[in-house]
C-alpha atoms as a PDB file:
ATOM      1  CA  MET A   1       0.000   0.000   0.000  1.00  0.00           C
ATOM      2  CA  SER A   2       1.158   3.479  -0.853  1.00  0.00           C
ATOM      3  CA  ARG A   3       0.122   6.874   0.449  1.00  0.00           C
ATOM      4  CA  ARG A   4       0.317  10.154  -1.372  1.00  0.00           C
ATOM      5  CA  GLN A   5      -0.659  13.676  -0.339  1.00  0.00           C
ATOM      6  CA  VAL A   6      -1.963  15.919  -3.104  1.00  0.00           C
ATOM      7  CA  MET A   7      -3.877  19.125  -3.700  1.00  0.00           C
ATOM      8  CA  PHE A   8      -6.624  19.287  -6.319  1.00  0.00           C
ATOM      9  CA  THR A   9      -7.689  22.646  -7.744  1.00  0.00           C
ATOM     10  CA  PHE A  10     -11.003  22.459  -9.578  1.00  0.00           C
ATOM     11  CA  PRO A  11     -12.066  24.712 -12.452  1.00  0.00           C
ATOM     12  CA  GLN A  12     -15.471  26.349 -11.970  1.00  0.00           C
ATOM     13  CA  GLU A  13     -17.337  23.913 -14.222  1.00  0.00           C
ATOM     14  CA  LEU A  14     -16.127  20.878 -12.210  1.00  0.00           C
ATOM     15  CA  VAL A  15     -16.712  22.102  -8.640  1.00  0.00           C
ATOM     16  CA  THR A  16     -20.056  20.303  -8.309  1.00  0.00           C
ATOM     17  CA  GLU A  17     -18.933  17.037  -9.950  1.00  0.00           C
ATOM     18  CA  PRO A  18     -18.305  14.025  -7.630  1.00  0.00           C
ATOM     19  CA  LEU A  19     -14.777  13.495  -8.964  1.00  0.00           C
ATOM     20  CA  ILE A  20     -13.139  12.554  -5.646  1.00  0.00           C
ATOM     21  CA  PHE A  21     -15.837   9.930  -5.027  1.00  0.00           C
ATOM     22  CA  ASP A  22     -15.433   8.639  -8.604  1.00  0.00           C
ATOM     23  CA  LEU A  23     -11.639   8.496  -8.214  1.00  0.00           C
ATOM     24  CA  GLY A  24     -11.958   6.280  -5.143  1.00  0.00           C
ATOM     25  CA  ARG A  25     -14.599   4.019  -6.670  1.00  0.00           C
ATOM     26  CA  GLN A  26     -13.092   3.580 -10.140  1.00  0.00           C
ATOM     27  CA  PHE A  27      -9.473   3.136  -9.082  1.00  0.00           C
ATOM     28  CA  ASN A  28      -9.880   1.413  -5.688  1.00  0.00           C
ATOM     29  CA  VAL A  29      -8.138   4.279  -3.891  1.00  0.00           C
ATOM     30  CA  VAL A  30      -9.034   5.455  -0.380  1.00  0.00           C
ATOM     31  CA  THR A  31      -9.457   9.241  -0.352  1.00  0.00           C
ATOM     32  CA  SER A  32      -9.156  11.151   2.925  1.00  0.00           C
ATOM     33  CA  ILE A  33      -9.905  14.869   2.697  1.00  0.00           C
ATOM     34  CA  ARG A  34      -7.718  16.894   5.072  1.00  0.00           C
ATOM     35  CA  ARG A  35      -8.546  20.497   4.099  1.00  0.00           C
ATOM     36  CA  ALA A  36     -10.873  22.062   1.568  1.00  0.00           C
ATOM     37  CA  ASP A  37     -12.308  25.360   0.394  1.00  0.00           C
ATOM     38  CA  VAL A  38     -15.205  24.881  -1.985  1.00  0.00           C
ATOM     39  CA  SER A  39     -17.854  27.305  -3.177  1.00  0.00           C
ATOM     40  CA  GLU A  40     -20.155  27.293  -6.194  1.00  0.00           C
ATOM     41  CA  ASN A  41     -17.514  28.849  -8.467  1.00  0.00           C
ATOM     42  CA  LYS A  42     -14.139  27.668  -7.133  1.00  0.00           C
ATOM     43  CA  GLY A  43     -12.642  24.871  -5.136  1.00  0.00           C
ATOM     44  CA  TRP A  44      -9.508  23.202  -3.857  1.00  0.00           C
ATOM     45  CA  VAL A  45      -8.948  20.229  -1.630  1.00  0.00           C
ATOM     46  CA  VAL A  46      -5.916  18.710   0.103  1.00  0.00           C
ATOM     47  CA  LEU A  47      -6.260  14.989   0.465  1.00  0.00           C
ATOM     48  CA  GLU A  48      -4.381  11.811   1.156  1.00  0.00           C
ATOM     49  CA  LEU A  49      -4.670   8.924  -1.277  1.00  0.00           C
ATOM     50  CA  GLU A  50      -4.022   5.374  -0.149  1.00  0.00           C
ATOM     51  CA  GLY A  51      -3.862   2.276  -2.322  1.00  0.00           C
ATOM     52  CA  ASN A  52      -1.774   0.430  -4.860  1.00  0.00           C
ATOM     53  CA  GLU A  53       0.817   2.792  -6.385  1.00  0.00           C
ATOM     54  CA  GLY A  54      -0.284   1.903  -9.921  1.00  0.00           C
ATOM     55  CA  ASP A  55      -3.933   2.583  -9.068  1.00  0.00           C
ATOM     56  CA  ILE A  56      -3.030   5.957  -7.549  1.00  0.00           C
ATOM     57  CA  GLU A  57      -1.035   6.886 -10.662  1.00  0.00           C
ATOM     58  CA  GLN A  58      -3.891   5.887 -12.964  1.00  0.00           C
ATOM     59  CA  GLY A  59      -6.390   7.799 -10.829  1.00  0.00           C
ATOM     60  CA  LEU A  60      -4.276  10.954 -10.850  1.00  0.00           C
ATOM     61  CA  ALA A  61      -3.851  10.743 -14.617  1.00  0.00           C
ATOM     62  CA  TRP A  62      -7.618  10.302 -14.986  1.00  0.00           C
ATOM     63  CA  ILE A  63      -8.506  13.272 -12.787  1.00  0.00           C
ATOM     64  CA  SER A  64      -5.892  15.461 -14.502  1.00  0.00           C
ATOM     65  CA  GLY A  65      -7.461  14.510 -17.815  1.00  0.00           C
ATOM     66  CA  LYS A  66     -10.798  15.802 -16.503  1.00  0.00           C
ATOM     67  CA  GLY A  67      -9.225  19.267 -16.079  1.00  0.00           C
ATOM     68  CA  VAL A  68      -8.340  19.196 -12.379  1.00  0.00           C
ATOM     69  CA  ARG A  69      -4.938  20.605 -11.447  1.00  0.00           C
ATOM     70  CA  VAL A  70      -2.968  18.138  -9.287  1.00  0.00           C
ATOM     71  CA  ASP A  71      -0.064  19.307  -7.116  1.00  0.00           C
ATOM     72  CA  PRO A  72       1.996  17.285  -4.640  1.00  0.00           C
ATOM     73  CA  VAL A  73       1.858  18.314  -0.969  1.00  0.00           C
ATOM     74  CA  ASP A  74       5.089  18.199   1.005  1.00  0.00           C
ATOM     75  CA  GLY A  75       5.259  17.941   4.771  1.00  0.00           C
ATOM     76  CA  ASP A  76       2.645  16.992   7.317  1.00  0.00           C
ATOM     77  CA  ILE A  77      -1.047  17.549   6.771  1.00  0.00           C
ATOM     78  CA  VAL A  78      -2.732  19.057   9.799  1.00  0.00           C
ATOM     79  CA  GLU A  79      -6.336  17.982  10.223  1.00  0.00           C
ATOM     80  CA  GLY A  80      -8.815  20.529  11.400  1.00  0.00           C
END
């Protein structure tokens, strides 16, 4: 099992789409949201992904292809 911390930045047209849920379901990846700021016209989320490294890679490629910006997160994630 691998873990990866990432930040997704959603374009306005994708804010209301269930992409994080779909990522977990389609690629068998556990998604744990740590921080988020979402409104009807913008959104970002910091989350931890856990699963097979290949599944995580495929899921990140898929979500990037949808138009979501994916950035790595370095350091500890503080829940709250």
